[in-house]
Amino acid sequence: MGLSHCAIINAHNDTNLVAVCETSSFLLNALKKYSGMECYTDYKKMIDETQLDCLFVASPAGYHAEMVKLRSGKKYKCLLRKTFCIEN
């Protein structure tokens, strides 16, 4: 997700970033140590285990459609950082 996305979300008084999924072990270890957030390497597990009000997707565009489909039937909003999906 990146530190910049965490900072942007946490800058809003009405938000509480409760979980993050990250592939960088360096960043994930820092977030675990200093943030108090639940940290995941598997976004499917994060979506299943975390009570969300909103899902912020900031992954490479090729993963967006799959990630958004996982929230199908759930009662939270989904924000995409960029393009919904790319056709091949």
C-alpha atoms as a PDB file:
ATOM      1  CA  MET A   1       0.000   0.000   0.000  1.00  0.00           C
ATOM      2  CA  GLY A   2       2.826   2.376   0.704  1.00  0.00           C
ATOM      3  CA  LEU A   3       3.548   4.879   3.403  1.00  0.00           C
ATOM      4  CA  SER A   4       2.155   7.773   1.365  1.00  0.00           C
ATOM      5  CA  HIS A   5      -1.279   6.127   1.157  1.00  0.00           C
ATOM      6  CA  CYS A   6      -1.251   5.418   4.895  1.00  0.00           C
ATOM      7  CA  ALA A   7      -0.326   9.026   5.619  1.00  0.00           C
ATOM      8  CA  ILE A   8      -3.062  10.396   3.345  1.00  0.00           C
ATOM      9  CA  ILE A   9      -5.757   8.212   4.915  1.00  0.00           C
ATOM     10  CA  ASN A  10      -4.586   8.877   8.480  1.00  0.00           C
ATOM     11  CA  ALA A  11      -4.529  12.647   7.854  1.00  0.00           C
ATOM     12  CA  HIS A  12      -8.334  12.662   7.895  1.00  0.00           C
ATOM     13  CA  ASN A  13      -9.898  13.004  11.335  1.00  0.00           C
ATOM     14  CA  ASP A  14     -12.883  10.815  10.430  1.00  0.00           C
ATOM     15  CA  THR A  15     -10.829   7.802   9.362  1.00  0.00           C
ATOM     16  CA  ASN A  16      -9.167   4.990  11.237  1.00  0.00           C
ATOM     17  CA  LEU A  17      -6.866   2.792   9.188  1.00  0.00           C
ATOM     18  CA  VAL A  18      -7.269  -0.603  10.859  1.00  0.00           C
ATOM     19  CA  ALA A  19      -5.546  -3.010   8.462  1.00  0.00           C
ATOM     20  CA  VAL A  20      -3.074  -2.988   5.624  1.00  0.00           C
ATOM     21  CA  CYS A  21      -1.899  -5.576   3.128  1.00  0.00           C
ATOM     22  CA  GLU A  22       1.634  -5.128   1.834  1.00  0.00           C
ATOM     23  CA  THR A  23       4.091  -7.245  -0.147  1.00  0.00           C
ATOM     24  CA  SER A  24       7.221  -5.408   1.013  1.00  0.00           C
ATOM     25  CA  SER A  25       8.497  -7.167   4.133  1.00  0.00           C
ATOM     26  CA  PHE A  26      10.539  -4.086   5.094  1.00  0.00           C
ATOM     27  CA  LEU A  27       7.481  -1.827   5.057  1.00  0.00           C
ATOM     28  CA  LEU A  28       5.228  -4.439   6.627  1.00  0.00           C
ATOM     29  CA  ASN A  29       7.627  -4.942   9.542  1.00  0.00           C
ATOM     30  CA  ALA A  30       7.781  -1.175  10.141  1.00  0.00           C
ATOM     31  CA  LEU A  31       3.979  -0.909  10.061  1.00  0.00           C
ATOM     32  CA  LYS A  32       3.632  -3.834  12.483  1.00  0.00           C
ATOM     33  CA  LYS A  33       6.136  -2.285  14.863  1.00  0.00           C
ATOM     34  CA  TYR A  34       4.975   1.341  14.856  1.00  0.00           C
ATOM     35  CA  SER A  35       1.362   1.599  13.651  1.00  0.00           C
ATOM     36  CA  GLY A  36      -0.771  -0.740  15.728  1.00  0.00           C
ATOM     37  CA  MET A  37      -2.625  -1.810  12.576  1.00  0.00           C
ATOM     38  CA  GLU A  38      -3.379  -5.370  11.611  1.00  0.00           C
ATOM     39  CA  CYS A  39      -0.848  -6.238   8.896  1.00  0.00           C
ATOM     40  CA  TYR A  40      -1.330  -8.845   6.188  1.00  0.00           C
ATOM     41  CA  THR A  41       0.528 -10.234   3.207  1.00  0.00           C
ATOM     42  CA  ASP A  42      -2.641 -11.867   1.809  1.00  0.00           C
ATOM     43  CA  TYR A  43      -5.394  -9.431   0.832  1.00  0.00           C
ATOM     44  CA  LYS A  44      -8.027 -12.199   0.725  1.00  0.00           C
ATOM     45  CA  LYS A  45      -7.301 -13.058   4.352  1.00  0.00           C
ATOM     46  CA  MET A  46      -7.391  -9.372   5.311  1.00  0.00           C
ATOM     47  CA  ILE A  47     -10.799  -8.890   3.656  1.00  0.00           C
ATOM     48  CA  ASP A  48     -12.174 -12.024   5.362  1.00  0.00           C
ATOM     49  CA  GLU A  49     -10.799 -11.298   8.838  1.00  0.00           C
ATOM     50  CA  THR A  50     -11.196  -7.538   9.166  1.00  0.00           C
ATOM     51  CA  GLN A  51     -14.404  -5.635   9.820  1.00  0.00           C
ATOM     52  CA  LEU A  52     -14.249  -2.872   7.216  1.00  0.00           C
ATOM     53  CA  ASP A  53     -16.277   0.229   6.470  1.00  0.00           C
ATOM     54  CA  CYS A  54     -14.262   0.885   3.328  1.00  0.00           C
ATOM     55  CA  LEU A  55     -11.657  -0.920   1.235  1.00  0.00           C
ATOM     56  CA  PHE A  56      -8.963   1.287  -0.330  1.00  0.00           C
ATOM     57  CA  VAL A  57      -7.278  -0.516  -3.228  1.00  0.00           C
ATOM     58  CA  ALA A  58      -3.837   0.830  -4.153  1.00  0.00           C
ATOM     59  CA  SER A  59      -2.360  -2.165  -5.922  1.00  0.00           C
ATOM     60  CA  PRO A  60      -1.191  -2.534  -9.522  1.00  0.00           C
ATOM     61  CA  ALA A  61      -4.197  -2.118 -11.852  1.00  0.00           C
ATOM     62  CA  GLY A  62      -4.131  -5.751 -12.990  1.00  0.00           C
ATOM     63  CA  TYR A  63      -5.336  -6.845  -9.527  1.00  0.00           C
ATOM     64  CA  HIS A  64      -8.156  -4.331  -9.077  1.00  0.00           C
ATOM     65  CA  ALA A  65     -11.027  -6.318 -10.577  1.00  0.00           C
ATOM     66  CA  GLU A  66     -10.243  -9.428  -8.532  1.00  0.00           C
ATOM     67  CA  MET A  67      -9.910  -7.446  -5.302  1.00  0.00           C
ATOM     68  CA  VAL A  68     -13.158  -5.558  -5.851  1.00  0.00           C
ATOM     69  CA  LYS A  69     -15.044  -8.772  -6.679  1.00  0.00           C
ATOM     70  CA  LEU A  70     -14.062 -10.208  -3.288  1.00  0.00           C
ATOM     71  CA  ARG A  71     -16.105  -7.529  -1.565  1.00  0.00           C
ATOM     72  CA  SER A  72     -19.219  -8.499  -3.523  1.00  0.00           C
ATOM     73  CA  GLY A  73     -22.157  -8.766  -1.147  1.00  0.00           C
ATOM     74  CA  LYS A  74     -20.327  -6.965   1.655  1.00  0.00           C
ATOM     75  CA  LYS A  75     -21.705  -3.754   3.135  1.00  0.00           C
ATOM     76  CA  TYR A  76     -18.713  -1.448   2.702  1.00  0.00           C
ATOM     77  CA  LYS A  77     -17.492   0.984   0.092  1.00  0.00           C
ATOM     78  CA  CYS A  78     -14.506   0.442  -2.153  1.00  0.00           C
ATOM     79  CA  LEU A  79     -12.124   3.187  -3.250  1.00  0.00           C
ATOM     80  CA  LEU A  80      -9.710   2.597  -6.119  1.00  0.00           C
ATOM     81  CA  ARG A  81      -6.491   4.556  -6.425  1.00  0.00           C
ATOM     82  CA  LYS A  82      -6.586   4.397 -10.221  1.00  0.00           C
ATOM     83  CA  THR A  83      -8.057   2.448 -13.166  1.00  0.00           C
ATOM     84  CA  PHE A  84     -10.671  -0.175 -12.245  1.00  0.00           C
ATOM     85  CA  CYS A  85      -9.176  -2.817 -14.551  1.00  0.00           C
ATOM     86  CA  ILE A  86      -7.284  -3.235 -17.788  1.00  0.00           C
ATOM     87  CA  GLU A  87      -8.410  -5.509 -20.614  1.00  0.00           C
ATOM     88  CA  ASN A  88      -5.802  -7.670 -22.294  1.00  0.00           C
END
